[in-house]
């Protein structure tokens, strides 16, 4: 099992690969951003994680509409970060 810091590194690397191709708001990119926010929270960087999920949810809603699975994943990330913060 990887550490939170390793998860942050891996998600960041994969997201940067997508961004090089110009794919910042695809469902895959949004899922990676959710993963990155959750790992960031697990690594103890709660302020950064809350910022990430806030922007993620706004972007997902704007790009895909309220009923899209990417928005559901973003909401799940918000909940996960909130739960991690409660445990901290």
PDB file of N, CA and C in Angstrom:
ATOM      1  N   UNK A   1       0.855  -1.177   0.000  1.00  0.00           N
ATOM      2  CA  UNK A   1       0.000   0.000   0.000  1.00  0.00           C
ATOM      3  C   UNK A   1       0.900   1.238   0.000  1.00  0.00           C
ATOM      4  N   UNK A   2       0.528   2.199  -0.757  1.00  0.00           N
ATOM      5  CA  UNK A   2       1.347   3.402  -0.881  1.00  0.00           C
ATOM      6  C   UNK A   2       1.000   4.403   0.225  1.00  0.00           C
ATOM      7  N   UNK A   3       1.951   5.262   0.515  1.00  0.00           N
ATOM      8  CA  UNK A   3       1.753   6.310   1.513  1.00  0.00           C
ATOM      9  C   UNK A   3       0.957   7.456   0.880  1.00  0.00           C
ATOM     10  N   UNK A   4       0.378   8.337   1.690  1.00  0.00           N
ATOM     11  CA  UNK A   4      -0.305   9.502   1.133  1.00  0.00           C
ATOM     12  C   UNK A   4       0.615  10.344   0.242  1.00  0.00           C
ATOM     13  N   UNK A   5       1.860  10.521   0.658  1.00  0.00           N
ATOM     14  CA  UNK A   5       2.794  11.308  -0.161  1.00  0.00           C
ATOM     15  C   UNK A   5       3.044  10.645  -1.509  1.00  0.00           C
ATOM     16  N   UNK A   6       3.138   9.318  -1.525  1.00  0.00           N
ATOM     17  CA  UNK A   6       3.321   8.598  -2.796  1.00  0.00           C
ATOM     18  C   UNK A   6       2.081   8.731  -3.669  1.00  0.00           C
ATOM     19  N   UNK A   7       0.904   8.688  -3.038  1.00  0.00           N
ATOM     20  CA  UNK A   7      -0.342   8.866  -3.796  1.00  0.00           C
ATOM     21  C   UNK A   7      -0.418  10.260  -4.404  1.00  0.00           C
ATOM     22  N   UNK A   8      -0.018  11.278  -3.623  1.00  0.00           N
ATOM     23  CA  UNK A   8      -0.001  12.652  -4.138  1.00  0.00           C
ATOM     24  C   UNK A   8       0.925  12.725  -5.345  1.00  0.00           C
ATOM     25  N   UNK A   9       2.103  12.159  -5.217  1.00  0.00           N
ATOM     26  CA  UNK A   9       3.079  12.189  -6.315  1.00  0.00           C
ATOM     27  C   UNK A   9       2.533  11.482  -7.554  1.00  0.00           C
ATOM     28  N   UNK A  10       1.980  10.295  -7.375  1.00  0.00           N
ATOM     29  CA  UNK A  10       1.478   9.524  -8.513  1.00  0.00           C
ATOM     30  C   UNK A  10       0.308  10.233  -9.195  1.00  0.00           C
ATOM     31  N   UNK A  11      -0.653  10.722  -8.408  1.00  0.00           N
ATOM     32  CA  UNK A  11      -1.809  11.417  -8.991  1.00  0.00           C
ATOM     33  C   UNK A  11      -1.373  12.691  -9.699  1.00  0.00           C
ATOM     34  N   UNK A  12      -0.423  13.404  -9.128  1.00  0.00           N
ATOM     35  CA  UNK A  12       0.081  14.624  -9.759  1.00  0.00           C
ATOM     36  C   UNK A  12       0.738  14.308 -11.091  1.00  0.00           C
ATOM     37  N   UNK A  13       1.559  13.273 -11.116  1.00  0.00           N
ATOM     38  CA  UNK A  13       2.241  12.884 -12.360  1.00  0.00           C
ATOM     39  C   UNK A  13       1.234  12.504 -13.443  1.00  0.00           C
ATOM     40  N   UNK A  14       0.246  11.691 -13.080  1.00  0.00           N
ATOM     41  CA  UNK A  14      -0.757  11.274 -14.068  1.00  0.00           C
ATOM     42  C   UNK A  14      -1.597  12.453 -14.542  1.00  0.00           C
ATOM     43  N   UNK A  15      -1.920  13.364 -13.637  1.00  0.00           N
ATOM     44  CA  UNK A  15      -2.691  14.545 -14.015  1.00  0.00           C
ATOM     45  C   UNK A  15      -1.885  15.450 -14.937  1.00  0.00           C
ATOM     46  N   UNK A  16      -0.616  15.634 -14.639  1.00  0.00           N
ATOM     47  CA  UNK A  16       0.229  16.453 -15.517  1.00  0.00           C
ATOM     48  C   UNK A  16       0.317  15.863 -16.918  1.00  0.00           C
ATOM     49  N   UNK A  17       0.370  14.534 -17.011  1.00  0.00           N
ATOM     50  CA  UNK A  17       0.373  13.881 -18.321  1.00  0.00           C
ATOM     51  C   UNK A  17      -0.896  14.229 -19.100  1.00  0.00           C
ATOM     52  N   UNK A  18      -2.046  14.196 -18.423  1.00  0.00           N
ATOM     53  CA  UNK A  18      -3.301  14.561 -19.091  1.00  0.00           C
ATOM     54  C   UNK A  18      -3.321  16.034 -19.479  1.00  0.00           C
ATOM     55  N   UNK A  19      -2.813  16.880 -18.606  1.00  0.00           N
ATOM     56  CA  UNK A  19      -2.826  18.310 -18.884  1.00  0.00           C
ATOM     57  C   UNK A  19      -1.937  18.664 -20.068  1.00  0.00           C
ATOM     58  N   UNK A  20      -0.863  17.905 -20.261  1.00  0.00           N
ATOM     59  CA  UNK A  20      -0.013  18.134 -21.438  1.00  0.00           C
ATOM     60  C   UNK A  20      -0.788  17.907 -22.725  1.00  0.00           C
ATOM     61  N   UNK A  21      -1.789  17.033 -22.671  1.00  0.00           N
ATOM     62  CA  UNK A  21      -2.630  16.749 -23.829  1.00  0.00           C
ATOM     63  C   UNK A  21      -3.828  17.697 -23.892  1.00  0.00           C
ATOM     64  N   UNK A  22      -3.918  18.632 -22.934  1.00  0.00           N
ATOM     65  CA  UNK A  22      -5.002  19.603 -22.936  1.00  0.00           C
ATOM     66  C   UNK A  22      -6.305  19.082 -22.387  1.00  0.00           C
ATOM     67  N   UNK A  23      -6.259  18.017 -21.613  1.00  0.00           N
ATOM     68  CA  UNK A  23      -7.477  17.380 -21.113  1.00  0.00           C
ATOM     69  C   UNK A  23      -7.681  17.696 -19.630  1.00  0.00           C
ATOM     70  N   UNK A  24      -8.032  18.919 -19.320  1.00  0.00           N
ATOM     71  CA  UNK A  24      -8.138  19.317 -17.916  1.00  0.00           C
ATOM     72  C   UNK A  24      -9.506  19.063 -17.295  1.00  0.00           C
ATOM     73  N   UNK A  25     -10.549  18.924 -18.109  1.00  0.00           N
ATOM     74  CA  UNK A  25     -11.894  18.786 -17.562  1.00  0.00           C
ATOM     75  C   UNK A  25     -12.605  17.506 -17.997  1.00  0.00           C
ATOM     76  N   UNK A  26     -11.852  16.560 -18.515  1.00  0.00           N
ATOM     77  CA  UNK A  26     -12.454  15.276 -18.862  1.00  0.00           C
ATOM     78  C   UNK A  26     -12.807  14.536 -17.577  1.00  0.00           C
ATOM     79  N   UNK A  27     -13.716  13.575 -17.639  1.00  0.00           N
ATOM     80  CA  UNK A  27     -14.019  12.796 -16.439  1.00  0.00           C
ATOM     81  C   UNK A  27     -12.766  12.148 -15.832  1.00  0.00           C
ATOM     82  N   UNK A  28     -11.849  11.697 -16.660  1.00  0.00           N
ATOM     83  CA  UNK A  28     -10.616  11.090 -16.154  1.00  0.00           C
ATOM     84  C   UNK A  28      -9.778  12.115 -15.384  1.00  0.00           C
ATOM     85  N   UNK A  29      -9.627  13.312 -15.939  1.00  0.00           N
ATOM     86  CA  UNK A  29      -8.852  14.358 -15.266  1.00  0.00           C
ATOM     87  C   UNK A  29      -9.528  14.770 -13.964  1.00  0.00           C
ATOM     88  N   UNK A  30     -10.846  14.880 -13.972  1.00  0.00           N
ATOM     89  CA  UNK A  30     -11.564  15.251 -12.761  1.00  0.00           C
ATOM     90  C   UNK A  30     -11.432  14.161 -11.700  1.00  0.00           C
ATOM     91  N   UNK A  31     -11.460  12.894 -12.106  1.00  0.00           N
ATOM     92  CA  UNK A  31     -11.271  11.799 -11.151  1.00  0.00           C
ATOM     93  C   UNK A  31      -9.861  11.835 -10.558  1.00  0.00           C
ATOM     94  N   UNK A  32      -8.881  12.149 -11.371  1.00  0.00           N
ATOM     95  CA  UNK A  32      -7.513  12.274 -10.854  1.00  0.00           C
ATOM     96  C   UNK A  32      -7.395  13.435  -9.882  1.00  0.00           C
ATOM     97  N   UNK A  33      -8.068  14.517 -10.182  1.00  0.00           N
ATOM     98  CA  UNK A  33      -8.056  15.662  -9.265  1.00  0.00           C
ATOM     99  C   UNK A  33      -8.701  15.290  -7.936  1.00  0.00           C
ATOM    100  N   UNK A  34      -9.764  14.492  -7.976  1.00  0.00           N
ATOM    101  CA  UNK A  34     -10.402  14.026  -6.740  1.00  0.00           C
ATOM    102  C   UNK A  34      -9.439  13.149  -5.947  1.00  0.00           C
ATOM    103  N   UNK A  35      -8.789  12.249  -6.636  1.00  0.00           N
ATOM    104  CA  UNK A  35      -7.807  11.378  -5.998  1.00  0.00           C
ATOM    105  C   UNK A  35      -6.676  12.194  -5.373  1.00  0.00           C
ATOM    106  N   UNK A  36      -6.218  13.195  -6.096  1.00  0.00           N
ATOM    107  CA  UNK A  36      -5.149  14.059  -5.597  1.00  0.00           C
ATOM    108  C   UNK A  36      -5.601  14.816  -4.345  1.00  0.00           C
ATOM    109  N   UNK A  37      -6.803  15.337  -4.347  1.00  0.00           N
ATOM    110  CA  UNK A  37      -7.311  16.075  -3.184  1.00  0.00           C
ATOM    111  C   UNK A  37      -7.411  15.167  -1.957  1.00  0.00           C
ATOM    112  N   UNK A  38      -7.899  13.955  -2.164  1.00  0.00           N
ATOM    113  CA  UNK A  38      -8.022  13.021  -1.047  1.00  0.00           C
ATOM    114  C   UNK A  38      -6.644  12.643  -0.508  1.00  0.00           C
ATOM    115  N   UNK A  39      -5.702  12.384  -1.396  1.00  0.00           N
ATOM    116  CA  UNK A  39      -4.343  12.056  -0.960  1.00  0.00           C
ATOM    117  C   UNK A  39      -3.692  13.238  -0.265  1.00  0.00           C
ATOM    118  N   UNK A  40      -3.948  14.435  -0.751  1.00  0.00           N
ATOM    119  CA  UNK A  40      -3.412  15.643  -0.136  1.00  0.00           C
ATOM    120  C   UNK A  40      -3.935  15.776   1.291  1.00  0.00           C
ATOM    121  N   UNK A  41      -5.219  15.498   1.478  1.00  0.00           N
ATOM    122  CA  UNK A  41      -5.796  15.547   2.824  1.00  0.00           C
ATOM    123  C   UNK A  41      -5.167  14.483   3.717  1.00  0.00           C
ATOM    124  N   UNK A  42      -5.024  13.272   3.192  1.00  0.00           N
ATOM    125  CA  UNK A  42      -4.404  12.190   3.964  1.00  0.00           C
ATOM    126  C   UNK A  42      -2.965  12.537   4.345  1.00  0.00           C
ATOM    127  N   UNK A  43      -2.298  13.301   3.495  1.00  0.00           N
ATOM    128  CA  UNK A  43      -0.918  13.708   3.775  1.00  0.00           C
ATOM    129  C   UNK A  43      -0.861  14.846   4.798  1.00  0.00           C
ATOM    130  N   UNK A  44      -2.034  15.335   5.226  1.00  0.00           N
ATOM    131  CA  UNK A  44      -2.078  16.349   6.270  1.00  0.00           C
ATOM    132  C   UNK A  44      -2.160  17.779   5.782  1.00  0.00           C
ATOM    133  N   UNK A  45      -2.341  17.979   4.488  1.00  0.00           N
ATOM    134  CA  UNK A  45      -2.417  19.327   3.913  1.00  0.00           C
ATOM    135  C   UNK A  45      -3.885  19.675   3.668  1.00  0.00           C
ATOM    136  N   UNK A  46      -4.606  19.857   4.764  1.00  0.00           N
ATOM    137  CA  UNK A  46      -6.060  20.009   4.684  1.00  0.00           C
ATOM    138  C   UNK A  46      -6.493  21.269   3.955  1.00  0.00           C
ATOM    139  N   UNK A  47      -5.828  22.377   4.196  1.00  0.00           N
ATOM    140  CA  UNK A  47      -6.215  23.623   3.522  1.00  0.00           C
ATOM    141  C   UNK A  47      -6.099  23.462   2.009  1.00  0.00           C
ATOM    142  N   UNK A  48      -5.010  22.874   1.558  1.00  0.00           N
ATOM    143  CA  UNK A  48      -4.838  22.623   0.120  1.00  0.00           C
ATOM    144  C   UNK A  48      -5.910  21.672  -0.402  1.00  0.00           C
ATOM    145  N   UNK A  49      -6.214  20.632   0.360  1.00  0.00           N
ATOM    146  CA  UNK A  49      -7.208  19.647  -0.065  1.00  0.00           C
ATOM    147  C   UNK A  49      -8.593  20.281  -0.184  1.00  0.00           C
ATOM    148  N   UNK A  50      -8.960  21.119   0.786  1.00  0.00           N
ATOM    149  CA  UNK A  50     -10.265  21.778   0.706  1.00  0.00           C
ATOM    150  C   UNK A  50     -10.341  22.707  -0.501  1.00  0.00           C
ATOM    151  N   UNK A  51      -9.273  23.411  -0.789  1.00  0.00           N
ATOM    152  CA  UNK A  51      -9.246  24.264  -1.981  1.00  0.00           C
ATOM    153  C   UNK A  51      -9.408  23.411  -3.239  1.00  0.00           C
ATOM    154  N   UNK A  52      -8.695  22.303  -3.296  1.00  0.00           N
ATOM    155  CA  UNK A  52      -8.747  21.437  -4.475  1.00  0.00           C
ATOM    156  C   UNK A  52     -10.156  20.902  -4.717  1.00  0.00           C
ATOM    157  N   UNK A  53     -10.826  20.411  -3.664  1.00  0.00           N
ATOM    158  CA  UNK A  53     -12.165  19.852  -3.887  1.00  0.00           C
ATOM    159  C   UNK A  53     -13.194  20.929  -4.194  1.00  0.00           C
ATOM    160  N   UNK A  54     -13.003  22.124  -3.649  1.00  0.00           N
ATOM    161  CA  UNK A  54     -13.910  23.223  -3.966  1.00  0.00           C
ATOM    162  C   UNK A  54     -13.822  23.565  -5.455  1.00  0.00           C
ATOM    163  N   UNK A  55     -12.603  23.715  -5.948  1.00  0.00           N
ATOM    164  CA  UNK A  55     -12.411  24.023  -7.375  1.00  0.00           C
ATOM    165  C   UNK A  55     -12.859  22.860  -8.260  1.00  0.00           C
ATOM    166  N   UNK A  56     -12.587  21.650  -7.815  1.00  0.00           N
ATOM    167  CA  UNK A  56     -12.993  20.461  -8.558  1.00  0.00           C
ATOM    168  C   UNK A  56     -14.506  20.420  -8.740  1.00  0.00           C
ATOM    169  N   UNK A  57     -15.234  20.628  -7.665  1.00  0.00           N
ATOM    170  CA  UNK A  57     -16.691  20.577  -7.748  1.00  0.00           C
ATOM    171  C   UNK A  57     -17.226  21.677  -8.666  1.00  0.00           C
ATOM    172  N   UNK A  58     -16.686  22.881  -8.555  1.00  0.00           N
ATOM    173  CA  UNK A  58     -17.113  23.972  -9.447  1.00  0.00           C
ATOM    174  C   UNK A  58     -16.846  23.618 -10.910  1.00  0.00           C
ATOM    175  N   UNK A  59     -15.646  23.114 -11.195  1.00  0.00           N
ATOM    176  CA  UNK A  59     -15.283  22.772 -12.577  1.00  0.00           C
ATOM    177  C   UNK A  59     -16.146  21.642 -13.118  1.00  0.00           C
ATOM    178  N   UNK A  60     -16.378  20.623 -12.310  1.00  0.00           N
ATOM    179  CA  UNK A  60     -17.186  19.480 -12.755  1.00  0.00           C
ATOM    180  C   UNK A  60     -18.611  19.913 -13.075  1.00  0.00           C
ATOM    181  N   UNK A  61     -19.189  20.734 -12.209  1.00  0.00           N
ATOM    182  CA  UNK A  61     -20.550  21.224 -12.449  1.00  0.00           C
ATOM    183  C   UNK A  61     -20.621  22.068 -13.714  1.00  0.00           C
ATOM    184  N   UNK A  62     -19.656  22.961 -13.863  1.00  0.00           N
ATOM    185  CA  UNK A  62     -19.656  23.858 -15.022  1.00  0.00           C
ATOM    186  C   UNK A  62     -19.472  23.078 -16.329  1.00  0.00           C
ATOM    187  N   UNK A  63     -18.599  22.102 -16.324  1.00  0.00           N
ATOM    188  CA  UNK A  63     -18.272  21.378 -17.550  1.00  0.00           C
ATOM    189  C   UNK A  63     -19.297  20.311 -17.908  1.00  0.00           C
ATOM    190  N   UNK A  64     -19.856  19.631 -16.914  1.00  0.00           N
ATOM    191  CA  UNK A  64     -20.655  18.439 -17.201  1.00  0.00           C
ATOM    192  C   UNK A  64     -22.102  18.501 -16.747  1.00  0.00           C
ATOM    193  N   UNK A  65     -22.473  19.499 -15.967  1.00  0.00           N
ATOM    194  CA  UNK A  65     -23.855  19.566 -15.481  1.00  0.00           C
ATOM    195  C   UNK A  65     -24.013  18.790 -14.187  1.00  0.00           C
ATOM    196  N   UNK A  66     -25.051  19.124 -13.475  1.00  0.00           N
ATOM    197  CA  UNK A  66     -25.257  18.626 -12.110  1.00  0.00           C
ATOM    198  C   UNK A  66     -25.407  17.108 -12.015  1.00  0.00           C
ATOM    199  N   UNK A  67     -25.936  16.447 -13.033  1.00  0.00           N
ATOM    200  CA  UNK A  67     -26.258  15.022 -12.944  1.00  0.00           C
ATOM    201  C   UNK A  67     -25.169  14.094 -13.470  1.00  0.00           C
ATOM    202  N   UNK A  68     -24.042  14.615 -13.865  1.00  0.00           N
ATOM    203  CA  UNK A  68     -22.970  13.804 -14.447  1.00  0.00           C
ATOM    204  C   UNK A  68     -22.204  13.039 -13.367  1.00  0.00           C
ATOM    205  N   UNK A  69     -21.703  11.880 -13.733  1.00  0.00           N
ATOM    206  CA  UNK A  69     -20.937  11.058 -12.785  1.00  0.00           C
ATOM    207  C   UNK A  69     -19.688  11.780 -12.269  1.00  0.00           C
ATOM    208  N   UNK A  70     -19.108  12.689 -13.064  1.00  0.00           N
ATOM    209  CA  UNK A  70     -17.934  13.443 -12.612  1.00  0.00           C
ATOM    210  C   UNK A  70     -18.300  14.358 -11.439  1.00  0.00           C
ATOM    211  N   UNK A  71     -19.512  14.882 -11.441  1.00  0.00           N
ATOM    212  CA  UNK A  71     -19.974  15.726 -10.338  1.00  0.00           C
ATOM    213  C   UNK A  71     -20.198  14.863  -9.099  1.00  0.00           C
ATOM    214  N   UNK A  72     -20.747  13.673  -9.294  1.00  0.00           N
ATOM    215  CA  UNK A  72     -20.923  12.756  -8.163  1.00  0.00           C
ATOM    216  C   UNK A  72     -19.572  12.388  -7.557  1.00  0.00           C
ATOM    217  N   UNK A  73     -18.573  12.167  -8.397  1.00  0.00           N
ATOM    218  CA  UNK A  73     -17.227  11.839  -7.898  1.00  0.00           C
ATOM    219  C   UNK A  73     -16.633  13.033  -7.154  1.00  0.00           C
ATOM    220  N   UNK A  74     -16.866  14.234  -7.652  1.00  0.00           N
ATOM    221  CA  UNK A  74     -16.371  15.435  -6.982  1.00  0.00           C
ATOM    222  C   UNK A  74     -17.028  15.592  -5.618  1.00  0.00           C
ATOM    223  N   UNK A  75     -18.336  15.349  -5.555  1.00  0.00           N
ATOM    224  CA  UNK A  75     -19.030  15.433  -4.263  1.00  0.00           C
ATOM    225  C   UNK A  75     -18.477  14.396  -3.280  1.00  0.00           C
ATOM    226  N   UNK A  76     -18.202  13.210  -3.797  1.00  0.00           N
ATOM    227  CA  UNK A  76     -17.623  12.156  -2.946  1.00  0.00           C
ATOM    228  C   UNK A  76     -16.252  12.583  -2.416  1.00  0.00           C
ATOM    229  N   UNK A  77     -15.483  13.282  -3.233  1.00  0.00           N
ATOM    230  CA  UNK A  77     -14.178  13.767  -2.800  1.00  0.00           C
ATOM    231  C   UNK A  77     -14.331  14.818  -1.702  1.00  0.00           C
ATOM    232  N   UNK A  78     -15.325  15.690  -1.834  1.00  0.00           N
ATOM    233  CA  UNK A  78     -15.582  16.693  -0.796  1.00  0.00           C
ATOM    234  C   UNK A  78     -15.890  15.976   0.520  1.00  0.00           C
ATOM    235  N   UNK A  79     -16.756  14.985   0.450  1.00  0.00           N
ATOM    236  CA  UNK A  79     -17.122  14.222   1.648  1.00  0.00           C
ATOM    237  C   UNK A  79     -15.910  13.521   2.240  1.00  0.00           C
ATOM    238  N   UNK A  80     -15.082  12.933   1.401  1.00  0.00           N
ATOM    239  CA  UNK A  80     -13.881  12.233   1.875  1.00  0.00           C
ATOM    240  C   UNK A  80     -12.931  13.190   2.570  1.00  0.00           C
ATOM    241  N   UNK A  81     -12.705  14.355   1.990  1.00  0.00           N
ATOM    242  CA  UNK A  81     -11.809  15.330   2.599  1.00  0.00           C
ATOM    243  C   UNK A  81     -12.379  15.822   3.925  1.00  0.00           C
ATOM    244  N   UNK A  82     -13.681  16.051   3.976  1.00  0.00           N
ATOM    245  CA  UNK A  82     -14.313  16.461   5.233  1.00  0.00           C
ATOM    246  C   UNK A  82     -14.139  15.390   6.308  1.00  0.00           C
ATOM    247  N   UNK A  83     -14.279  14.135   5.925  1.00  0.00           N
ATOM    248  CA  UNK A  83     -14.111  13.035   6.874  1.00  0.00           C
ATOM    249  C   UNK A  83     -12.664  12.937   7.360  1.00  0.00           C
ATOM    250  N   UNK A  84     -11.728  13.097   6.460  1.00  0.00           N
ATOM    251  CA  UNK A  84     -10.314  13.077   6.839  1.00  0.00           C
ATOM    252  C   UNK A  84     -10.012  14.218   7.805  1.00  0.00           C
ATOM    253  N   UNK A  85     -10.589  15.385   7.547  1.00  0.00           N
ATOM    254  CA  UNK A  85     -10.383  16.535   8.425  1.00  0.00           C
ATOM    255  C   UNK A  85     -10.963  16.284   9.811  1.00  0.00           C
ATOM    256  N   UNK A  86     -12.112  15.631   9.884  1.00  0.00           N
ATOM    257  CA  UNK A  86     -12.725  15.320  11.181  1.00  0.00           C
ATOM    258  C   UNK A  86     -11.842  14.372  11.993  1.00  0.00           C
ATOM    259  N   UNK A  87     -11.193  13.450  11.302  1.00  0.00           N
ATOM    260  CA  UNK A  87     -10.330  12.481  11.993  1.00  0.00           C
ATOM    261  C   UNK A  87      -9.021  13.105  12.443  1.00  0.00           C
ATOM    262  N   UNK A  88      -8.630  14.196  11.794  1.00  0.00           N
ATOM    263  CA  UNK A  88      -7.312  14.806  12.097  1.00  0.00           C
ATOM    264  C   UNK A  88      -7.318  15.544  13.416  1.00  0.00           C
TER     265      UNK A  88
END
